[in-house]
Amino acid sequence: MNDKIIEINHISKCYNMGLFRNKQHNIVHDVSFTVRRGTTYGLIGKSGSGKSTIMKMIAGLTSIDSGEILFKNRRVTDWLRYNNHEYRSSCQMLFQNPLQSIYPKFLAEEAILEVVKIHNLSTVNIEQDIAAILEMVRLSTSIFKRRVTELSGGELQRLCLARILLVNPELILLDEPTTQLDTGAQFQIMTILKELQLEKNLSYLFVSHDIDLMKYLAHDVGVIERGEIIEEGLSKSVLKNPKSQFMKQLLDAYYTL
């Protein structure tokens, strides 16, 4: 359970800013951490601190300026070059806004079948497989004839999760997946994620502003400020007795809202 699924080694990312794009801004600077197989690593920090950029670099959606990312002890750049399809099946992302990954005019059924087609999944027993996955995320085929925009926020996010599970990933990048949901829907999706992790030995990288959700799901936590990891450790330690002044301020602000 404790072997590394993904290892982040000294990665950095700069963007050119300003009118003439001649000023460099370090959005991520010399970041390192490890996600252990079957566990959740939580990244916590303010908006604009580099969390989503790290997610995109892991997913291969943006390039790395320096450092390296290893997935199962192999560079992600090599995965993307030589085994792109396999990597993109193994490493999936659940977005904050579900409509970032689903065409809004789709019926729910079309959203599911799109994954079957894109990933060239076997159609043998596919109906039973889809039904079983929908059950895992507390949905049923009764939603199939509804457009995705007619679904509630919770239903839509769970549909996105079902699409992810169809390709049997090992690592899921959770980019603030509950931010747009009400409290009940948040609790449901977090419960499902925890159940799936135990059942399938899934690994998660979880970005969130919500301290309580982080406590619920994360085993390890990294605190990020201005693109740098300033504190790291077991979640029960970092989120209860932080060492950094920045994390202490985050906790104070969260619990005085």
C-alpha atoms as a PDB file:
ATOM      1  CA  MET A   1       0.000   0.000   0.000  1.00  0.00           C
ATOM      2  CA  ASN A   2       2.877   2.383   0.773  1.00  0.00           C
ATOM      3  CA  ASP A   3       4.794   2.161  -2.511  1.00  0.00           C
ATOM      4  CA  LYS A   4       4.915   5.315  -4.616  1.00  0.00           C
ATOM      5  CA  ILE A   5       2.318   5.765  -7.356  1.00  0.00           C
ATOM      6  CA  ILE A   6       3.596   9.208  -8.329  1.00  0.00           C
ATOM      7  CA  GLU A   7       6.692  11.139  -7.336  1.00  0.00           C
ATOM      8  CA  ILE A   8       7.127  14.877  -7.899  1.00  0.00           C
ATOM      9  CA  ASN A   9      10.793  15.899  -7.984  1.00  0.00           C
ATOM     10  CA  HIS A  10      11.740  19.596  -7.871  1.00  0.00           C
ATOM     11  CA  ILE A  11       9.255  20.748 -10.510  1.00  0.00           C
ATOM     12  CA  SER A  12       8.983  24.406 -11.500  1.00  0.00           C
ATOM     13  CA  LYS A  13       6.811  26.391 -13.889  1.00  0.00           C
ATOM     14  CA  CYS A  14       7.159  30.009 -15.043  1.00  0.00           C
ATOM     15  CA  TYR A  15       4.776  32.119 -17.068  1.00  0.00           C
ATOM     16  CA  ASN A  16       5.695  35.189 -19.079  1.00  0.00           C
ATOM     17  CA  MET A  17       3.681  38.150 -17.857  1.00  0.00           C
ATOM     18  CA  GLY A  18       3.267  41.826 -18.707  1.00  0.00           C
ATOM     19  CA  LEU A  19       2.299  43.725 -21.837  1.00  0.00           C
ATOM     20  CA  PHE A  20       5.280  42.461 -23.820  1.00  0.00           C
ATOM     21  CA  ARG A  21       5.438  39.059 -22.077  1.00  0.00           C
ATOM     22  CA  ASN A  22       8.907  39.976 -20.828  1.00  0.00           C
ATOM     23  CA  LYS A  23       8.371  39.445 -17.102  1.00  0.00           C
ATOM     24  CA  GLN A  24       8.603  35.958 -15.626  1.00  0.00           C
ATOM     25  CA  HIS A  25       6.322  34.805 -12.823  1.00  0.00           C
ATOM     26  CA  ASN A  26       7.207  31.618 -10.927  1.00  0.00           C
ATOM     27  CA  ILE A  27       3.811  29.984 -10.378  1.00  0.00           C
ATOM     28  CA  VAL A  28       5.427  26.721  -9.140  1.00  0.00           C
ATOM     29  CA  HIS A  29       8.943  26.655  -7.690  1.00  0.00           C
ATOM     30  CA  ASP A  30      10.993  23.576  -6.756  1.00  0.00           C
ATOM     31  CA  VAL A  31       8.023  21.499  -5.575  1.00  0.00           C
ATOM     32  CA  SER A  32       8.550  17.906  -4.421  1.00  0.00           C
ATOM     33  CA  PHE A  33       6.166  15.392  -2.841  1.00  0.00           C
ATOM     34  CA  THR A  34       5.068  11.778  -3.162  1.00  0.00           C
ATOM     35  CA  VAL A  35       1.643  10.156  -3.424  1.00  0.00           C
ATOM     36  CA  ARG A  36       1.645   6.684  -1.885  1.00  0.00           C
ATOM     37  CA  ARG A  37      -0.392   3.995  -3.602  1.00  0.00           C
ATOM     38  CA  GLY A  38      -3.867   3.619  -2.128  1.00  0.00           C
ATOM     39  CA  THR A  39      -3.665   6.912  -0.222  1.00  0.00           C
ATOM     40  CA  THR A  40      -4.697  10.546  -0.651  1.00  0.00           C
ATOM     41  CA  TYR A  41      -2.225  13.410  -0.763  1.00  0.00           C
ATOM     42  CA  GLY A  42      -3.874  16.763  -0.108  1.00  0.00           C
ATOM     43  CA  LEU A  43      -2.598  20.081  -1.435  1.00  0.00           C
ATOM     44  CA  ILE A  44      -3.910  23.069   0.475  1.00  0.00           C
ATOM     45  CA  GLY A  45      -3.281  26.761  -0.101  1.00  0.00           C
ATOM     46  CA  LYS A  46      -4.841  29.986  -1.288  1.00  0.00           C
ATOM     47  CA  SER A  47      -6.135  30.588  -4.827  1.00  0.00           C
ATOM     48  CA  GLY A  48      -3.312  31.302  -7.251  1.00  0.00           C
ATOM     49  CA  SER A  49      -0.717  29.443  -5.197  1.00  0.00           C
ATOM     50  CA  GLY A  50       0.043  26.932  -7.970  1.00  0.00           C
ATOM     51  CA  LYS A  51      -2.108  23.955  -6.943  1.00  0.00           C
ATOM     52  CA  SER A  52      -4.035  23.638 -10.206  1.00  0.00           C
ATOM     53  CA  THR A  53      -0.872  24.169 -12.252  1.00  0.00           C
ATOM     54  CA  ILE A  54       0.716  21.201 -10.474  1.00  0.00           C
ATOM     55  CA  MET A  55      -2.372  19.133 -11.333  1.00  0.00           C
ATOM     56  CA  LYS A  56      -2.115  20.139 -14.997  1.00  0.00           C
ATOM     57  CA  MET A  57       1.578  19.237 -15.142  1.00  0.00           C
ATOM     58  CA  ILE A  58       0.857  15.786 -13.712  1.00  0.00           C
ATOM     59  CA  ALA A  59      -2.001  15.300 -16.181  1.00  0.00           C
ATOM     60  CA  GLY A  60       0.208  16.343 -19.091  1.00  0.00           C
ATOM     61  CA  LEU A  61      -1.962  19.379 -19.821  1.00  0.00           C
ATOM     62  CA  THR A  62       0.908  21.838 -19.383  1.00  0.00           C
ATOM     63  CA  SER A  63       4.660  21.446 -19.697  1.00  0.00           C
ATOM     64  CA  ILE A  64       7.256  21.340 -16.912  1.00  0.00           C
ATOM     65  CA  ASP A  65      10.058  23.903 -17.056  1.00  0.00           C
ATOM     66  CA  SER A  66      12.375  21.941 -14.757  1.00  0.00           C
ATOM     67  CA  GLY A  67      12.321  18.867 -12.547  1.00  0.00           C
ATOM     68  CA  GLU A  68      10.514  15.625 -13.270  1.00  0.00           C
ATOM     69  CA  ILE A  69       7.353  13.697 -12.464  1.00  0.00           C
ATOM     70  CA  LEU A  70       7.541   9.915 -12.120  1.00  0.00           C
ATOM     71  CA  PHE A  71       4.475   7.704 -12.482  1.00  0.00           C
ATOM     72  CA  LYS A  72       5.189   4.160 -11.336  1.00  0.00           C
ATOM     73  CA  ASN A  73       8.926   4.956 -11.425  1.00  0.00           C
ATOM     74  CA  ARG A  74       8.836   6.171 -15.040  1.00  0.00           C
ATOM     75  CA  ARG A  75       8.973   9.762 -16.255  1.00  0.00           C
ATOM     76  CA  VAL A  76       5.579  11.151 -17.228  1.00  0.00           C
ATOM     77  CA  THR A  77       7.209  12.726 -20.287  1.00  0.00           C
ATOM     78  CA  ASP A  78       8.134   9.201 -21.438  1.00  0.00           C
ATOM     79  CA  TRP A  79       4.626   7.913 -20.708  1.00  0.00           C
ATOM     80  CA  LEU A  80       3.152  10.706 -22.810  1.00  0.00           C
ATOM     81  CA  ARG A  81       5.605  10.132 -25.641  1.00  0.00           C
ATOM     82  CA  TYR A  82       5.483   6.341 -25.858  1.00  0.00           C
ATOM     83  CA  ASN A  83       2.367   5.185 -23.961  1.00  0.00           C
ATOM     84  CA  ASN A  84       0.109   8.225 -24.039  1.00  0.00           C
ATOM     85  CA  HIS A  85      -3.199   6.332 -24.116  1.00  0.00           C
ATOM     86  CA  GLU A  86      -2.210   4.053 -21.241  1.00  0.00           C
ATOM     87  CA  TYR A  87      -1.105   6.994 -19.102  1.00  0.00           C
ATOM     88  CA  ARG A  88      -4.232   9.023 -19.763  1.00  0.00           C
ATOM     89  CA  SER A  89      -6.341   6.028 -18.754  1.00  0.00           C
ATOM     90  CA  SER A  90      -4.296   5.409 -15.609  1.00  0.00           C
ATOM     91  CA  CYS A  91      -4.254   9.066 -14.530  1.00  0.00           C
ATOM     92  CA  GLN A  92      -7.637  10.800 -14.654  1.00  0.00           C
ATOM     93  CA  MET A  93      -8.867  14.181 -13.420  1.00  0.00           C
ATOM     94  CA  LEU A  94     -12.133  15.134 -11.715  1.00  0.00           C
ATOM     95  CA  PHE A  95     -12.610  18.849 -12.357  1.00  0.00           C
ATOM     96  CA  GLN A  96     -14.213  21.505 -10.180  1.00  0.00           C
ATOM     97  CA  ASN A  97     -16.611  22.289 -13.040  1.00  0.00           C
ATOM     98  CA  PRO A  98     -17.992  19.038 -14.516  1.00  0.00           C
ATOM     99  CA  LEU A  99     -18.767  20.751 -17.829  1.00  0.00           C
ATOM    100  CA  GLN A 100     -15.012  21.078 -18.404  1.00  0.00           C
ATOM    101  CA  SER A 101     -15.018  17.381 -19.270  1.00  0.00           C
ATOM    102  CA  ILE A 102     -18.545  16.750 -20.636  1.00  0.00           C
ATOM    103  CA  TYR A 103     -20.144  18.291 -23.733  1.00  0.00           C
ATOM    104  CA  PRO A 104     -23.152  20.194 -22.303  1.00  0.00           C
ATOM    105  CA  LYS A 105     -25.587  19.119 -25.039  1.00  0.00           C
ATOM    106  CA  PHE A 106     -25.003  15.419 -24.389  1.00  0.00           C
ATOM    107  CA  LEU A 107     -27.585  13.129 -22.893  1.00  0.00           C
ATOM    108  CA  ALA A 108     -26.186  11.353 -19.837  1.00  0.00           C
ATOM    109  CA  GLU A 109     -26.062   8.141 -21.880  1.00  0.00           C
ATOM    110  CA  GLU A 110     -24.017   9.852 -24.605  1.00  0.00           C
ATOM    111  CA  ALA A 111     -21.576  11.125 -21.983  1.00  0.00           C
ATOM    112  CA  ILE A 112     -20.962   7.549 -20.845  1.00  0.00           C
ATOM    113  CA  LEU A 113     -20.767   6.046 -24.332  1.00  0.00           C
ATOM    114  CA  GLU A 114     -18.286   8.725 -25.421  1.00  0.00           C
ATOM    115  CA  VAL A 115     -15.755   7.229 -22.990  1.00  0.00           C
ATOM    116  CA  VAL A 116     -16.381   3.725 -24.346  1.00  0.00           C
ATOM    117  CA  LYS A 117     -15.683   4.988 -27.866  1.00  0.00           C
ATOM    118  CA  ILE A 118     -12.676   7.226 -27.131  1.00  0.00           C
ATOM    119  CA  HIS A 119     -10.887   4.573 -25.078  1.00  0.00           C
ATOM    120  CA  ASN A 120     -11.954   1.743 -27.382  1.00  0.00           C
ATOM    121  CA  LEU A 121     -13.330  -0.241 -24.453  1.00  0.00           C
ATOM    122  CA  SER A 122     -14.534  -3.781 -24.982  1.00  0.00           C
ATOM    123  CA  THR A 123     -18.292  -3.912 -25.526  1.00  0.00           C
ATOM    124  CA  VAL A 124     -18.510  -7.424 -24.060  1.00  0.00           C
ATOM    125  CA  ASN A 125     -20.724  -7.097 -20.978  1.00  0.00           C
ATOM    126  CA  ILE A 126     -20.456  -3.302 -21.288  1.00  0.00           C
ATOM    127  CA  GLU A 127     -24.068  -2.736 -20.205  1.00  0.00           C
ATOM    128  CA  GLN A 128     -23.492  -4.714 -17.001  1.00  0.00           C
ATOM    129  CA  ASP A 129     -20.184  -2.912 -16.411  1.00  0.00           C
ATOM    130  CA  ILE A 130     -21.820   0.498 -16.833  1.00  0.00           C
ATOM    131  CA  ALA A 131     -24.698  -0.436 -14.531  1.00  0.00           C
ATOM    132  CA  ALA A 132     -22.255  -1.643 -11.862  1.00  0.00           C
ATOM    133  CA  ILE A 133     -20.211   1.563 -12.033  1.00  0.00           C
ATOM    134  CA  LEU A 134     -23.327   3.735 -11.895  1.00  0.00           C
ATOM    135  CA  GLU A 135     -24.357   1.859  -8.768  1.00  0.00           C
ATOM    136  CA  MET A 136     -20.959   2.605  -7.202  1.00  0.00           C
ATOM    137  CA  VAL A 137     -21.579   6.347  -7.641  1.00  0.00           C
ATOM    138  CA  ARG A 138     -25.238   6.186  -6.515  1.00  0.00           C
ATOM    139  CA  LEU A 139     -26.725   6.631 -10.007  1.00  0.00           C
ATOM    140  CA  SER A 140     -28.820   4.431 -12.291  1.00  0.00           C
ATOM    141  CA  THR A 141     -29.595   4.175 -15.993  1.00  0.00           C
ATOM    142  CA  SER A 142     -32.804   6.119 -15.312  1.00  0.00           C
ATOM    143  CA  ILE A 143     -30.779   9.309 -15.879  1.00  0.00           C
ATOM    144  CA  PHE A 144     -29.691   8.278 -19.379  1.00  0.00           C
ATOM    145  CA  LYS A 145     -32.342  10.203 -21.313  1.00  0.00           C
ATOM    146  CA  ARG A 146     -31.746  13.444 -19.422  1.00  0.00           C
ATOM    147  CA  ARG A 147     -29.380  16.060 -20.753  1.00  0.00           C
ATOM    148  CA  VAL A 148     -26.349  16.589 -18.572  1.00  0.00           C
ATOM    149  CA  THR A 149     -27.427  20.199 -17.975  1.00  0.00           C
ATOM    150  CA  GLU A 150     -30.680  18.877 -16.468  1.00  0.00           C
ATOM    151  CA  LEU A 151     -28.814  16.960 -13.775  1.00  0.00           C
ATOM    152  CA  SER A 152     -28.160  18.416 -10.338  1.00  0.00           C
ATOM    153  CA  GLY A 153     -24.594  19.448  -9.516  1.00  0.00           C
ATOM    154  CA  GLY A 154     -24.114  16.318  -7.438  1.00  0.00           C
ATOM    155  CA  GLU A 155     -25.539  14.021 -10.121  1.00  0.00           C
ATOM    156  CA  LEU A 156     -23.335  15.610 -12.774  1.00  0.00           C
ATOM    157  CA  GLN A 157     -20.168  15.271 -10.705  1.00  0.00           C
ATOM    158  CA  ARG A 158     -21.008  11.636  -9.973  1.00  0.00           C
ATOM    159  CA  LEU A 159     -21.582  11.068 -13.701  1.00  0.00           C
ATOM    160  CA  CYS A 160     -18.093  12.472 -14.315  1.00  0.00           C
ATOM    161  CA  LEU A 161     -16.737  10.081 -11.707  1.00  0.00           C
ATOM    162  CA  ALA A 162     -18.516   7.172 -13.427  1.00  0.00           C
ATOM    163  CA  ARG A 163     -16.841   8.141 -16.717  1.00  0.00           C
ATOM    164  CA  ILE A 164     -13.477   8.078 -14.961  1.00  0.00           C
ATOM    165  CA  LEU A 165     -14.097   4.670 -13.388  1.00  0.00           C
ATOM    166  CA  LEU A 166     -14.930   3.155 -16.781  1.00  0.00           C
ATOM    167  CA  VAL A 167     -11.264   3.371 -17.800  1.00  0.00           C
ATOM    168  CA  ASN A 168     -10.052   1.778 -14.546  1.00  0.00           C
ATOM    169  CA  PRO A 169      -7.573   4.455 -13.388  1.00  0.00           C
ATOM    170  CA  GLU A 170      -4.925   4.059 -10.706  1.00  0.00           C
ATOM    171  CA  LEU A 171      -4.584   7.763  -9.857  1.00  0.00           C
ATOM    172  CA  ILE A 172      -7.349  10.388  -9.796  1.00  0.00           C
ATOM    173  CA  LEU A 173      -6.550  14.091  -9.615  1.00  0.00           C
ATOM    174  CA  LEU A 174      -9.288  15.789  -7.590  1.00  0.00           C
ATOM    175  CA  ASP A 175      -9.228  19.499  -8.461  1.00  0.00           C
ATOM    176  CA  GLU A 176     -11.618  20.972  -5.866  1.00  0.00           C
ATOM    177  CA  PRO A 177     -14.399  18.604  -7.018  1.00  0.00           C
ATOM    178  CA  THR A 178     -16.918  19.663  -4.355  1.00  0.00           C
ATOM    179  CA  THR A 179     -16.616  23.463  -4.534  1.00  0.00           C
ATOM    180  CA  GLN A 180     -19.780  23.940  -6.612  1.00  0.00           C
ATOM    181  CA  LEU A 181     -21.865  21.461  -4.593  1.00  0.00           C
ATOM    182  CA  ASP A 182     -24.159  21.954  -1.612  1.00  0.00           C
ATOM    183  CA  THR A 183     -23.269  20.366   1.718  1.00  0.00           C
ATOM    184  CA  GLY A 184     -25.300  17.191   1.147  1.00  0.00           C
ATOM    185  CA  ALA A 185     -23.826  16.592  -2.308  1.00  0.00           C
ATOM    186  CA  GLN A 186     -20.330  17.282  -0.957  1.00  0.00           C
ATOM    187  CA  PHE A 187     -20.732  14.657   1.739  1.00  0.00           C
ATOM    188  CA  GLN A 188     -22.056  12.133  -0.777  1.00  0.00           C
ATOM    189  CA  ILE A 189     -19.205  12.539  -3.261  1.00  0.00           C
ATOM    190  CA  MET A 190     -16.589  12.393  -0.495  1.00  0.00           C
ATOM    191  CA  THR A 191     -18.148   9.240   0.941  1.00  0.00           C
ATOM    192  CA  ILE A 192     -18.129   7.640  -2.509  1.00  0.00           C
ATOM    193  CA  LEU A 193     -14.488   8.607  -3.093  1.00  0.00           C
ATOM    194  CA  LYS A 194     -13.459   7.064   0.218  1.00  0.00           C
ATOM    195  CA  GLU A 195     -15.391   3.849  -0.493  1.00  0.00           C
ATOM    196  CA  LEU A 196     -13.843   3.576  -3.964  1.00  0.00           C
ATOM    197  CA  GLN A 197     -10.363   4.077  -2.562  1.00  0.00           C
ATOM    198  CA  LEU A 198     -10.816   1.232  -0.093  1.00  0.00           C
ATOM    199  CA  GLU A 199     -12.426  -1.064  -2.668  1.00  0.00           C
ATOM    200  CA  LYS A 200     -10.109  -0.376  -5.618  1.00  0.00           C
ATOM    201  CA  ASN A 201      -6.921   0.787  -3.859  1.00  0.00           C
ATOM    202  CA  LEU A 202      -7.129   4.087  -5.737  1.00  0.00           C
ATOM    203  CA  SER A 203      -4.673   6.914  -5.182  1.00  0.00           C
ATOM    204  CA  TYR A 204      -5.821  10.540  -5.058  1.00  0.00           C
ATOM    205  CA  LEU A 205      -4.168  13.927  -5.302  1.00  0.00           C
ATOM    206  CA  PHE A 206      -6.743  16.196  -3.679  1.00  0.00           C
ATOM    207  CA  VAL A 207      -6.790  19.991  -3.978  1.00  0.00           C
ATOM    208  CA  SER A 208      -9.252  21.803  -1.718  1.00  0.00           C
ATOM    209  CA  HIS A 209      -9.752  24.907   0.410  1.00  0.00           C
ATOM    210  CA  ASP A 210     -12.033  22.977   2.753  1.00  0.00           C
ATOM    211  CA  ILE A 211     -10.164  21.943   5.902  1.00  0.00           C
ATOM    212  CA  ASP A 212     -12.877  19.518   7.051  1.00  0.00           C
ATOM    213  CA  LEU A 213     -12.942  17.712   3.691  1.00  0.00           C
ATOM    214  CA  MET A 214      -9.157  17.542   3.743  1.00  0.00           C
ATOM    215  CA  LYS A 215      -9.252  15.973   7.206  1.00  0.00           C
ATOM    216  CA  TYR A 216     -11.811  13.427   5.988  1.00  0.00           C
ATOM    217  CA  LEU A 217     -10.008  12.253   2.850  1.00  0.00           C
ATOM    218  CA  ALA A 218      -6.290  13.078   3.023  1.00  0.00           C
ATOM    219  CA  HIS A 219      -3.642  10.860   4.594  1.00  0.00           C
ATOM    220  CA  ASP A 220      -0.783  13.269   3.857  1.00  0.00           C
ATOM    221  CA  VAL A 221      -0.913  17.027   3.293  1.00  0.00           C
ATOM    222  CA  GLY A 222       1.335  19.581   1.631  1.00  0.00           C
ATOM    223  CA  VAL A 223       0.820  23.278   2.360  1.00  0.00           C
ATOM    224  CA  ILE A 224       1.605  25.469  -0.638  1.00  0.00           C
ATOM    225  CA  GLU A 225       2.302  29.200  -0.518  1.00  0.00           C
ATOM    226  CA  ARG A 226       3.295  31.242  -3.571  1.00  0.00           C
ATOM    227  CA  GLY A 227       4.224  28.144  -5.530  1.00  0.00           C
ATOM    228  CA  GLU A 228       6.319  26.453  -2.841  1.00  0.00           C
ATOM    229  CA  ILE A 229       5.595  23.622  -0.396  1.00  0.00           C
ATOM    230  CA  ILE A 230       6.266  25.214   3.002  1.00  0.00           C
ATOM    231  CA  GLU A 231       4.996  22.403   5.240  1.00  0.00           C
ATOM    232  CA  GLU A 232       4.283  18.713   4.763  1.00  0.00           C
ATOM    233  CA  GLY A 233       3.283  15.748   6.880  1.00  0.00           C
ATOM    234  CA  LEU A 234       0.474  13.501   8.031  1.00  0.00           C
ATOM    235  CA  SER A 235      -2.864  15.279   7.706  1.00  0.00           C
ATOM    236  CA  LYS A 236      -3.798  14.680  11.347  1.00  0.00           C
ATOM    237  CA  SER A 237      -0.623  16.518  12.345  1.00  0.00           C
ATOM    238  CA  VAL A 238      -0.524  19.361   9.812  1.00  0.00           C
ATOM    239  CA  LEU A 239      -4.243  20.149  10.061  1.00  0.00           C
ATOM    240  CA  LYS A 240      -4.331  20.044  13.848  1.00  0.00           C
ATOM    241  CA  ASN A 241      -0.947  21.350  14.982  1.00  0.00           C
ATOM    242  CA  PRO A 242       0.685  23.120  12.026  1.00  0.00           C
ATOM    243  CA  LYS A 243       4.245  24.392  12.288  1.00  0.00           C
ATOM    244  CA  SER A 244       4.085  27.145   9.676  1.00  0.00           C
ATOM    245  CA  GLN A 245       2.563  30.528  10.457  1.00  0.00           C
ATOM    246  CA  PHE A 246       0.817  30.460   7.078  1.00  0.00           C
ATOM    247  CA  MET A 247      -1.057  27.234   7.875  1.00  0.00           C
ATOM    248  CA  LYS A 248      -1.956  28.520  11.332  1.00  0.00           C
ATOM    249  CA  GLN A 249      -3.497  31.578   9.674  1.00  0.00           C
ATOM    250  CA  LEU A 250      -5.448  29.397   7.232  1.00  0.00           C
ATOM    251  CA  LEU A 251      -6.881  27.386  10.126  1.00  0.00           C
ATOM    252  CA  ASP A 252      -7.772  30.514  12.089  1.00  0.00           C
ATOM    253  CA  ALA A 253      -9.514  32.046   9.074  1.00  0.00           C
ATOM    254  CA  TYR A 254     -11.380  28.824   8.280  1.00  0.00           C
ATOM    255  CA  TYR A 255     -12.758  28.270  11.768  1.00  0.00           C
ATOM    256  CA  THR A 256     -13.720  31.906  12.366  1.00  0.00           C
ATOM    257  CA  LEU A 257     -15.893  32.170   9.248  1.00  0.00           C
END
